[in-house]
Amino acid sequence: SINLHSAIGHDVSVDSFSTISSFVDLTGKINVGKRVMIG
């Protein structure tokens, strides 16, 4: 789930069941594991 105005940068991997709240900035080459909650 990706909420309003969030940015998933180049070469970023987000694993299953994770939630990304509004106005989040994931810059390049980040790896997010399963079931992560990002405020």
PDB file of all heavy atoms in Angstrom:
ATOM      1  N   SER A   1       0.853  -1.190   0.000  1.00  0.00           N
ATOM      2  CA  SER A   1       0.000   0.000   0.000  1.00  0.00           C
ATOM      3  C   SER A   1       0.889   1.241   0.000  1.00  0.00           C
ATOM      4  O   SER A   1       1.783   1.358   0.842  1.00  0.00           O
ATOM      5  CB  SER A   1      -0.904   0.017   1.235  1.00  0.00           C
ATOM      6  OG  SER A   1      -1.590  -1.204   1.377  1.00  0.00           O
ATOM      7  N   ILE A   2       0.609   2.156  -0.931  1.00  0.00           N
ATOM      8  CA  ILE A   2       1.371   3.407  -1.017  1.00  0.00           C
ATOM      9  C   ILE A   2       0.375   4.556  -0.971  1.00  0.00           C
ATOM     10  O   ILE A   2      -0.466   4.699  -1.849  1.00  0.00           O
ATOM     11  CB  ILE A   2       2.209   3.470  -2.302  1.00  0.00           C
ATOM     12  CG1 ILE A   2       3.186   2.293  -2.360  1.00  0.00           C
ATOM     13  CG2 ILE A   2       2.967   4.797  -2.372  1.00  0.00           C
ATOM     14  CD1 ILE A   2       4.006   2.244  -3.639  1.00  0.00           C
ATOM     15  N   ASN A   3       0.496   5.384   0.045  1.00  0.00           N
ATOM     16  CA  ASN A   3      -0.450   6.484   0.217  1.00  0.00           C
ATOM     17  C   ASN A   3      -0.004   7.724  -0.562  1.00  0.00           C
ATOM     18  O   ASN A   3       0.981   7.683  -1.301  1.00  0.00           O
ATOM     19  CB  ASN A   3      -0.632   6.790   1.706  1.00  0.00           C
ATOM     20  CG  ASN A   3      -2.064   7.171   2.046  1.00  0.00           C
ATOM     21  OD1 ASN A   3      -2.640   8.047   1.410  1.00  0.00           O
ATOM     22  ND2 ASN A   3      -2.625   6.521   3.041  1.00  0.00           N
ATOM     23  N   LEU A   4      -0.729   8.817  -0.384  1.00  0.00           N
ATOM     24  CA  LEU A   4      -0.580  10.022  -1.198  1.00  0.00           C
ATOM     25  C   LEU A   4       0.843  10.586  -1.208  1.00  0.00           C
ATOM     26  O   LEU A   4       1.517  10.628  -0.180  1.00  0.00           O
ATOM     27  CB  LEU A   4      -1.506  11.120  -0.659  1.00  0.00           C
ATOM     28  CG  LEU A   4      -3.001  10.856  -0.678  1.00  0.00           C
ATOM     29  CD1 LEU A   4      -3.698  11.829   0.260  1.00  0.00           C
ATOM     30  CD2 LEU A   4      -3.536  11.002  -2.089  1.00  0.00           C
ATOM     31  N   HIS A   5       1.274  11.039  -2.383  1.00  0.00           N
ATOM     32  CA  HIS A   5       2.495  11.843  -2.535  1.00  0.00           C
ATOM     33  C   HIS A   5       3.759  11.145  -2.022  1.00  0.00           C
ATOM     34  O   HIS A   5       4.680  11.814  -1.542  1.00  0.00           O
ATOM     35  CB  HIS A   5       2.344  13.187  -1.820  1.00  0.00           C
ATOM     36  CG  HIS A   5       1.355  14.108  -2.453  1.00  0.00           C
ATOM     37  ND1 HIS A   5       1.640  14.860  -3.572  1.00  0.00           N
ATOM     38  CD2 HIS A   5       0.064  14.393  -2.127  1.00  0.00           C
ATOM     39  CE1 HIS A   5       0.566  15.587  -3.898  1.00  0.00           C
ATOM     40  NE2 HIS A   5      -0.399  15.309  -3.055  1.00  0.00           N
ATOM     41  N   SER A   6       3.828   9.845  -2.110  1.00  0.00           N
ATOM     42  CA  SER A   6       5.047   9.141  -1.717  1.00  0.00           C
ATOM     43  C   SER A   6       5.875   8.790  -2.941  1.00  0.00           C
ATOM     44  O   SER A   6       5.330   8.593  -4.036  1.00  0.00           O
ATOM     45  CB  SER A   6       4.712   7.879  -0.914  1.00  0.00           C
ATOM     46  OG  SER A   6       4.302   8.243   0.391  1.00  0.00           O
ATOM     47  N   ALA A   7       7.186   8.715  -2.746  1.00  0.00           N
ATOM     48  CA  ALA A   7       8.102   8.488  -3.862  1.00  0.00           C
ATOM     49  C   ALA A   7       8.915   7.222  -3.629  1.00  0.00           C
ATOM     50  O   ALA A   7       9.596   7.088  -2.604  1.00  0.00           O
ATOM     51  CB  ALA A   7       9.044   9.676  -4.037  1.00  0.00           C
ATOM     52  N   ILE A   8       8.831   6.300  -4.588  1.00  0.00           N
ATOM     53  CA  ILE A   8       9.640   5.091  -4.589  1.00  0.00           C
ATOM     54  C   ILE A   8      10.744   5.310  -5.620  1.00  0.00           C
ATOM     55  O   ILE A   8      10.487   5.362  -6.818  1.00  0.00           O
ATOM     56  CB  ILE A   8       8.794   3.853  -4.965  1.00  0.00           C
ATOM     57  CG1 ILE A   8       7.507   3.796  -4.134  1.00  0.00           C
ATOM     58  CG2 ILE A   8       9.615   2.582  -4.807  1.00  0.00           C
ATOM     59  CD1 ILE A   8       7.712   3.740  -2.655  1.00  0.00           C
ATOM     60  N   GLY A   9      11.968   5.461  -5.160  1.00  0.00           N
ATOM     61  CA  GLY A   9      13.066   5.855  -6.039  1.00  0.00           C
ATOM     62  C   GLY A   9      13.554   4.729  -6.935  1.00  0.00           C
ATOM     63  O   GLY A   9      13.078   3.591  -6.875  1.00  0.00           O
ATOM     64  N   HIS A  10      14.554   5.061  -7.739  1.00  0.00           N
ATOM     65  CA  HIS A  10      15.100   4.091  -8.690  1.00  0.00           C
ATOM     66  C   HIS A  10      15.734   2.905  -7.967  1.00  0.00           C
ATOM     67  O   HIS A  10      16.357   3.041  -6.915  1.00  0.00           O
ATOM     68  CB  HIS A  10      16.129   4.762  -9.613  1.00  0.00           C
ATOM     69  CG  HIS A  10      17.392   5.169  -8.912  1.00  0.00           C
ATOM     70  ND1 HIS A  10      18.471   4.316  -8.768  1.00  0.00           N
ATOM     71  CD2 HIS A  10      17.749   6.327  -8.325  1.00  0.00           C
ATOM     72  CE1 HIS A  10      19.439   4.923  -8.131  1.00  0.00           C
ATOM     73  NE2 HIS A  10      19.025   6.166  -7.846  1.00  0.00           N
ATOM     74  N   ASP A  11      15.504   1.732  -8.507  1.00  0.00           N
ATOM     75  CA  ASP A  11      16.123   0.484  -8.010  1.00  0.00           C
ATOM     76  C   ASP A  11      15.737   0.162  -6.562  1.00  0.00           C
ATOM     77  O   ASP A  11      16.454  -0.562  -5.870  1.00  0.00           O
ATOM     78  CB  ASP A  11      17.646   0.546  -8.138  1.00  0.00           C
ATOM     79  CG  ASP A  11      18.087   0.739  -9.568  1.00  0.00           C
ATOM     80  OD1 ASP A  11      17.906  -0.186 -10.376  1.00  0.00           O
ATOM     81  OD2 ASP A  11      18.591   1.835  -9.896  1.00  0.00           O
ATOM     82  N   VAL A  12      14.621   0.671  -6.123  1.00  0.00           N
ATOM     83  CA  VAL A  12      14.105   0.353  -4.783  1.00  0.00           C
ATOM     84  C   VAL A  12      13.278  -0.930  -4.867  1.00  0.00           C
ATOM     85  O   VAL A  12      12.489  -1.124  -5.784  1.00  0.00           O
ATOM     86  CB  VAL A  12      13.247   1.503  -4.226  1.00  0.00           C
ATOM     87  CG1 VAL A  12      12.478   1.058  -2.982  1.00  0.00           C
ATOM     88  CG2 VAL A  12      14.118   2.705  -3.908  1.00  0.00           C
ATOM     89  N   SER A  13      13.442  -1.804  -3.871  1.00  0.00           N
ATOM     90  CA  SER A  13      12.651  -3.025  -3.777  1.00  0.00           C
ATOM     91  C   SER A  13      11.834  -2.993  -2.488  1.00  0.00           C
ATOM     92  O   SER A  13      12.386  -2.763  -1.407  1.00  0.00           O
ATOM     93  CB  SER A  13      13.562  -4.256  -3.779  1.00  0.00           C
ATOM     94  OG  SER A  13      12.812  -5.439  -3.605  1.00  0.00           O
ATOM     95  N   VAL A  14      10.523  -3.192  -2.614  1.00  0.00           N
ATOM     96  CA  VAL A  14       9.635  -3.237  -1.444  1.00  0.00           C
ATOM     97  C   VAL A  14       8.976  -4.608  -1.419  1.00  0.00           C
ATOM     98  O   VAL A  14       8.283  -4.993  -2.359  1.00  0.00           O
ATOM     99  CB  VAL A  14       8.570  -2.126  -1.500  1.00  0.00           C
ATOM    100  CG1 VAL A  14       7.716  -2.171  -0.231  1.00  0.00           C
ATOM    101  CG2 VAL A  14       9.219  -0.757  -1.669  1.00  0.00           C
ATOM    102  N   ASP A  15       9.195  -5.348  -0.347  1.00  0.00           N
ATOM    103  CA  ASP A  15       8.665  -6.709  -0.266  1.00  0.00           C
ATOM    104  C   ASP A  15       7.202  -6.712   0.180  1.00  0.00           C
ATOM    105  O   ASP A  15       6.659  -5.704   0.623  1.00  0.00           O
ATOM    106  CB  ASP A  15       9.529  -7.555   0.665  1.00  0.00           C
ATOM    107  CG  ASP A  15       9.596  -9.015   0.234  1.00  0.00           C
ATOM    108  OD1 ASP A  15       8.701  -9.453  -0.507  1.00  0.00           O
ATOM    109  OD2 ASP A  15      10.550  -9.713   0.639  1.00  0.00           O
ATOM    110  N   SER A  16       6.585  -7.867   0.086  1.00  0.00           N
ATOM    111  CA  SER A  16       5.139  -8.016   0.217  1.00  0.00           C
ATOM    112  C   SER A  16       4.593  -7.580   1.579  1.00  0.00           C
ATOM    113  O   SER A  16       5.271  -7.694   2.602  1.00  0.00           O
ATOM    114  CB  SER A  16       4.754  -9.474  -0.030  1.00  0.00           C
ATOM    115  OG  SER A  16       5.119  -9.875  -1.331  1.00  0.00           O
ATOM    116  N   PHE A  17       3.359  -7.060   1.544  1.00  0.00           N
ATOM    117  CA  PHE A  17       2.534  -6.694   2.701  1.00  0.00           C
ATOM    118  C   PHE A  17       3.019  -5.442   3.428  1.00  0.00           C
ATOM    119  O   PHE A  17       2.492  -5.101   4.479  1.00  0.00           O
ATOM    120  CB  PHE A  17       2.417  -7.852   3.701  1.00  0.00           C
ATOM    121  CG  PHE A  17       1.959  -9.132   3.075  1.00  0.00           C
ATOM    122  CD1 PHE A  17       2.819 -10.207   2.934  1.00  0.00           C
ATOM    123  CD2 PHE A  17       0.670  -9.255   2.587  1.00  0.00           C
ATOM    124  CE1 PHE A  17       2.401 -11.385   2.337  1.00  0.00           C
ATOM    125  CE2 PHE A  17       0.240 -10.433   1.993  1.00  0.00           C
ATOM    126  CZ  PHE A  17       1.106 -11.498   1.869  1.00  0.00           C
ATOM    127  N   SER A  18       3.980  -4.739   2.877  1.00  0.00           N
ATOM    128  CA  SER A  18       4.443  -3.507   3.508  1.00  0.00           C
ATOM    129  C   SER A  18       3.494  -2.354   3.200  1.00  0.00           C
ATOM    130  O   SER A  18       2.787  -2.360   2.190  1.00  0.00           O
ATOM    131  CB  SER A  18       5.863  -3.169   3.049  1.00  0.00           C
ATOM    132  OG  SER A  18       6.780  -4.118   3.563  1.00  0.00           O
ATOM    133  N   THR A  19       3.483  -1.353   4.088  1.00  0.00           N
ATOM    134  CA  THR A  19       2.626  -0.179   3.935  1.00  0.00           C
ATOM    135  C   THR A  19       3.472   1.080   4.023  1.00  0.00           C
ATOM    136  O   THR A  19       4.252   1.248   4.972  1.00  0.00           O
ATOM    137  CB  THR A  19       1.531  -0.159   5.015  1.00  0.00           C
ATOM    138  OG1 THR A  19       0.622  -1.237   4.777  1.00  0.00           O
ATOM    139  CG2 THR A  19       0.759   1.153   4.986  1.00  0.00           C
ATOM    140  N   ILE A  20       3.287   1.956   3.037  1.00  0.00           N
ATOM    141  CA  ILE A  20       4.027   3.214   2.956  1.00  0.00           C
ATOM    142  C   ILE A  20       3.020   4.350   3.075  1.00  0.00           C
ATOM    143  O   ILE A  20       2.149   4.503   2.218  1.00  0.00           O
ATOM    144  CB  ILE A  20       4.809   3.290   1.633  1.00  0.00           C
ATOM    145  CG1 ILE A  20       5.840   2.150   1.580  1.00  0.00           C
ATOM    146  CG2 ILE A  20       5.484   4.647   1.480  1.00  0.00           C
ATOM    147  CD1 ILE A  20       6.463   1.947   0.225  1.00  0.00           C
ATOM    148  N   SER A  21       3.118   5.118   4.143  1.00  0.00           N
ATOM    149  CA  SER A  21       2.168   6.198   4.392  1.00  0.00           C
ATOM    150  C   SER A  21       2.448   7.396   3.484  1.00  0.00           C
ATOM    151  O   SER A  21       3.320   7.343   2.611  1.00  0.00           O
ATOM    152  CB  SER A  21       2.215   6.605   5.867  1.00  0.00           C
ATOM    153  OG  SER A  21       1.918   5.499   6.699  1.00  0.00           O
ATOM    154  N   SER A  22       1.723   8.490   3.686  1.00  0.00           N
ATOM    155  CA  SER A  22       1.836   9.666   2.822  1.00  0.00           C
ATOM    156  C   SER A  22       3.183  10.381   2.972  1.00  0.00           C
ATOM    157  O   SER A  22       3.787  10.380   4.046  1.00  0.00           O
ATOM    158  CB  SER A  22       0.722  10.655   3.159  1.00  0.00           C
ATOM    159  OG  SER A  22      -0.547  10.076   2.988  1.00  0.00           O
ATOM    160  N   PHE A  23       3.626  10.992   1.872  1.00  0.00           N
ATOM    161  CA  PHE A  23       4.797  11.869   1.847  1.00  0.00           C
ATOM    162  C   PHE A  23       6.089  11.177   2.305  1.00  0.00           C
ATOM    163  O   PHE A  23       6.969  11.793   2.898  1.00  0.00           O
ATOM    164  CB  PHE A  23       4.553  13.127   2.690  1.00  0.00           C
ATOM    165  CG  PHE A  23       3.438  13.983   2.164  1.00  0.00           C
ATOM    166  CD1 PHE A  23       2.170  13.890   2.700  1.00  0.00           C
ATOM    167  CD2 PHE A  23       3.660  14.871   1.120  1.00  0.00           C
ATOM    168  CE1 PHE A  23       1.127  14.670   2.209  1.00  0.00           C
ATOM    169  CE2 PHE A  23       2.627  15.651   0.620  1.00  0.00           C
ATOM    170  CZ  PHE A  23       1.359  15.555   1.165  1.00  0.00           C
ATOM    171  N   VAL A  24       6.196   9.902   2.007  1.00  0.00           N
ATOM    172  CA  VAL A  24       7.420   9.142   2.291  1.00  0.00           C
ATOM    173  C   VAL A  24       8.358   9.249   1.098  1.00  0.00           C
ATOM    174  O   VAL A  24       7.927   9.239  -0.052  1.00  0.00           O
ATOM    175  CB  VAL A  24       7.087   7.663   2.595  1.00  0.00           C
ATOM    176  CG1 VAL A  24       8.351   6.797   2.622  1.00  0.00           C
ATOM    177  CG2 VAL A  24       6.337   7.561   3.914  1.00  0.00           C
ATOM    178  N   ASP A  25       9.653   9.339   1.366  1.00  0.00           N
ATOM    179  CA  ASP A  25      10.660   9.442   0.298  1.00  0.00           C
ATOM    180  C   ASP A  25      11.660   8.297   0.449  1.00  0.00           C
ATOM    181  O   ASP A  25      12.508   8.315   1.331  1.00  0.00           O
ATOM    182  CB  ASP A  25      11.378  10.791   0.385  1.00  0.00           C
ATOM    183  CG  ASP A  25      12.352  11.002  -0.770  1.00  0.00           C
ATOM    184  OD1 ASP A  25      12.320  10.209  -1.742  1.00  0.00           O
ATOM    185  OD2 ASP A  25      13.145  11.957  -0.703  1.00  0.00           O
ATOM    186  N   LEU A  26      11.519   7.283  -0.423  1.00  0.00           N
ATOM    187  CA  LEU A  26      12.471   6.171  -0.472  1.00  0.00           C
ATOM    188  C   LEU A  26      13.418   6.438  -1.640  1.00  0.00           C
ATOM    189  O   LEU A  26      13.068   6.231  -2.798  1.00  0.00           O
ATOM    190  CB  LEU A  26      11.741   4.841  -0.689  1.00  0.00           C
ATOM    191  CG  LEU A  26      10.895   4.319   0.473  1.00  0.00           C
ATOM    192  CD1 LEU A  26       9.990   3.191   0.003  1.00  0.00           C
ATOM    193  CD2 LEU A  26      11.782   3.836   1.607  1.00  0.00           C
ATOM    194  N   THR A  27      14.609   6.938  -1.335  1.00  0.00           N
ATOM    195  CA  THR A  27      15.556   7.268  -2.401  1.00  0.00           C
ATOM    196  C   THR A  27      16.163   5.993  -2.987  1.00  0.00           C
ATOM    197  O   THR A  27      15.753   4.895  -2.657  1.00  0.00           O
ATOM    198  CB  THR A  27      16.651   8.201  -1.860  1.00  0.00           C
ATOM    199  OG1 THR A  27      17.257   7.591  -0.710  1.00  0.00           O
ATOM    200  CG2 THR A  27      16.061   9.542  -1.449  1.00  0.00           C
ATOM    201  N   GLY A  28      17.151   6.125  -3.847  1.00  0.00           N
ATOM    202  CA  GLY A  28      17.602   5.013  -4.670  1.00  0.00           C
ATOM    203  C   GLY A  28      18.185   3.814  -3.938  1.00  0.00           C
ATOM    204  O   GLY A  28      18.817   3.926  -2.890  1.00  0.00           O
ATOM    205  N   LYS A  29      17.935   2.623  -4.509  1.00  0.00           N
ATOM    206  CA  LYS A  29      18.565   1.355  -4.138  1.00  0.00           C
ATOM    207  C   LYS A  29      18.287   0.933  -2.697  1.00  0.00           C
ATOM    208  O   LYS A  29      19.095   0.251  -2.067  1.00  0.00           O
ATOM    209  CB  LYS A  29      20.078   1.423  -4.399  1.00  0.00           C
ATOM    210  CG  LYS A  29      20.423   1.658  -5.854  1.00  0.00           C
ATOM    211  CD  LYS A  29      21.923   1.647  -6.103  1.00  0.00           C
ATOM    212  CE  LYS A  29      22.222   1.843  -7.586  1.00  0.00           C
ATOM    213  NZ  LYS A  29      23.670   1.847  -7.870  1.00  0.00           N
ATOM    214  N   ILE A  30      17.128   1.282  -2.193  1.00  0.00           N
ATOM    215  CA  ILE A  30      16.722   0.875  -0.849  1.00  0.00           C
ATOM    216  C   ILE A  30      16.009  -0.468  -0.930  1.00  0.00           C
ATOM    217  O   ILE A  30      15.309  -0.759  -1.900  1.00  0.00           O
ATOM    218  CB  ILE A  30      15.800   1.941  -0.220  1.00  0.00           C
ATOM    219  CG1 ILE A  30      16.611   3.201   0.076  1.00  0.00           C
ATOM    220  CG2 ILE A  30      15.102   1.430   1.033  1.00  0.00           C
ATOM    221  CD1 ILE A  30      15.767   4.397   0.423  1.00  0.00           C
ATOM    222  N   ASN A  31      16.190  -1.286   0.083  1.00  0.00           N
ATOM    223  CA  ASN A  31      15.523  -2.583   0.158  1.00  0.00           C
ATOM    224  C   ASN A  31      14.646  -2.616   1.403  1.00  0.00           C
ATOM    225  O   ASN A  31      15.146  -2.519   2.529  1.00  0.00           O
ATOM    226  CB  ASN A  31      16.568  -3.704   0.200  1.00  0.00           C
ATOM    227  CG  ASN A  31      15.953  -5.074   0.066  1.00  0.00           C
ATOM    228  OD1 ASN A  31      15.126  -5.467   0.880  1.00  0.00           O
ATOM    229  ND2 ASN A  31      16.362  -5.825  -0.940  1.00  0.00           N
ATOM    230  N   VAL A  32      13.326  -2.744   1.185  1.00  0.00           N
ATOM    231  CA  VAL A  32      12.361  -2.795   2.289  1.00  0.00           C
ATOM    232  C   VAL A  32      11.843  -4.224   2.404  1.00  0.00           C
ATOM    233  O   VAL A  32      11.359  -4.798   1.427  1.00  0.00           O
ATOM    234  CB  VAL A  32      11.190  -1.822   2.044  1.00  0.00           C
ATOM    235  CG1 VAL A  32      10.162  -1.932   3.164  1.00  0.00           C
ATOM    236  CG2 VAL A  32      11.702  -0.387   1.914  1.00  0.00           C
ATOM    237  N   GLY A  33      11.942  -4.805   3.587  1.00  0.00           N
ATOM    238  CA  GLY A  33      11.534  -6.190   3.786  1.00  0.00           C
ATOM    239  C   GLY A  33      10.029  -6.372   3.881  1.00  0.00           C
ATOM    240  O   GLY A  33       9.256  -5.423   3.718  1.00  0.00           O
ATOM    241  N   LYS A  34       9.603  -7.591   4.157  1.00  0.00           N
ATOM    242  CA  LYS A  34       8.180  -7.901   4.274  1.00  0.00           C
ATOM    243  C   LYS A  34       7.565  -7.278   5.533  1.00  0.00           C
ATOM    244  O   LYS A  34       8.215  -7.155   6.563  1.00  0.00           O
ATOM    245  CB  LYS A  34       7.967  -9.418   4.335  1.00  0.00           C
ATOM    246  CG  LYS A  34       8.222 -10.142   3.028  1.00  0.00           C
ATOM    247  CD  LYS A  34       7.912 -11.625   3.181  1.00  0.00           C
ATOM    248  CE  LYS A  34       8.113 -12.366   1.861  1.00  0.00           C
ATOM    249  NZ  LYS A  34       7.821 -13.811   2.002  1.00  0.00           N
ATOM    250  N   ARG A  35       6.294  -6.912   5.393  1.00  0.00           N
ATOM    251  CA  ARG A  35       5.454  -6.481   6.516  1.00  0.00           C
ATOM    252  C   ARG A  35       6.036  -5.287   7.272  1.00  0.00           C
ATOM    253  O   ARG A  35       5.924  -5.174   8.489  1.00  0.00           O
ATOM    254  CB  ARG A  35       5.189  -7.646   7.477  1.00  0.00           C
ATOM    255  CG  ARG A  35       4.441  -8.811   6.851  1.00  0.00           C
ATOM    256  CD  ARG A  35       4.283  -9.965   7.829  1.00  0.00           C
ATOM    257  NE  ARG A  35       5.575 -10.460   8.279  1.00  0.00           N
ATOM    258  CZ  ARG A  35       6.314 -11.361   7.617  1.00  0.00           C
ATOM    259  NH1 ARG A  35       5.859 -11.890   6.499  1.00  0.00           N
ATOM    260  NH2 ARG A  35       7.484 -11.742   8.084  1.00  0.00           N
ATOM    261  N   VAL A  36       6.632  -4.370   6.540  1.00  0.00           N
ATOM    262  CA  VAL A  36       7.175  -3.144   7.144  1.00  0.00           C
ATOM    263  C   VAL A  36       6.114  -2.049   7.109  1.00  0.00           C
ATOM    264  O   VAL A  36       5.399  -1.888   6.118  1.00  0.00           O
ATOM    265  CB  VAL A  36       8.442  -2.691   6.399  1.00  0.00           C
ATOM    266  CG1 VAL A  36       8.896  -1.311   6.878  1.00  0.00           C
ATOM    267  CG2 VAL A  36       9.561  -3.714   6.589  1.00  0.00           C
ATOM    268  N   MET A  37       6.011  -1.298   8.190  1.00  0.00           N
ATOM    269  CA  MET A  37       5.110  -0.149   8.265  1.00  0.00           C
ATOM    270  C   MET A  37       5.946   1.116   8.330  1.00  0.00           C
ATOM    271  O   MET A  37       6.779   1.281   9.228  1.00  0.00           O
ATOM    272  CB  MET A  37       4.226  -0.253   9.511  1.00  0.00           C
ATOM    273  CG  MET A  37       3.202   0.853   9.629  1.00  0.00           C
ATOM    274  SD  MET A  37       1.829   0.582   8.474  1.00  0.00           S
ATOM    275  CE  MET A  37       0.843   2.050   8.797  1.00  0.00           C
ATOM    276  N   ILE A  38       5.720   2.024   7.360  1.00  0.00           N
ATOM    277  CA  ILE A  38       6.486   3.265   7.288  1.00  0.00           C
ATOM    278  C   ILE A  38       5.529   4.435   7.501  1.00  0.00           C
ATOM    279  O   ILE A  38       4.575   4.621   6.744  1.00  0.00           O
ATOM    280  CB  ILE A  38       7.206   3.395   5.933  1.00  0.00           C
ATOM    281  CG1 ILE A  38       8.175   2.226   5.737  1.00  0.00           C
ATOM    282  CG2 ILE A  38       7.958   4.722   5.853  1.00  0.00           C
ATOM    283  CD1 ILE A  38       8.885   2.221   4.399  1.00  0.00           C
ATOM    284  N   GLY A  39       5.785   5.238   8.539  1.00  0.00           N
ATOM    285  CA  GLY A  39       4.921   6.357   8.884  1.00  0.00           C
ATOM    286  C   GLY A  39       5.086   7.546   7.954  1.00  0.00           C
ATOM    287  O   GLY A  39       6.072   7.677   7.218  1.00  0.00           O
TER     288      GLY A  39
END
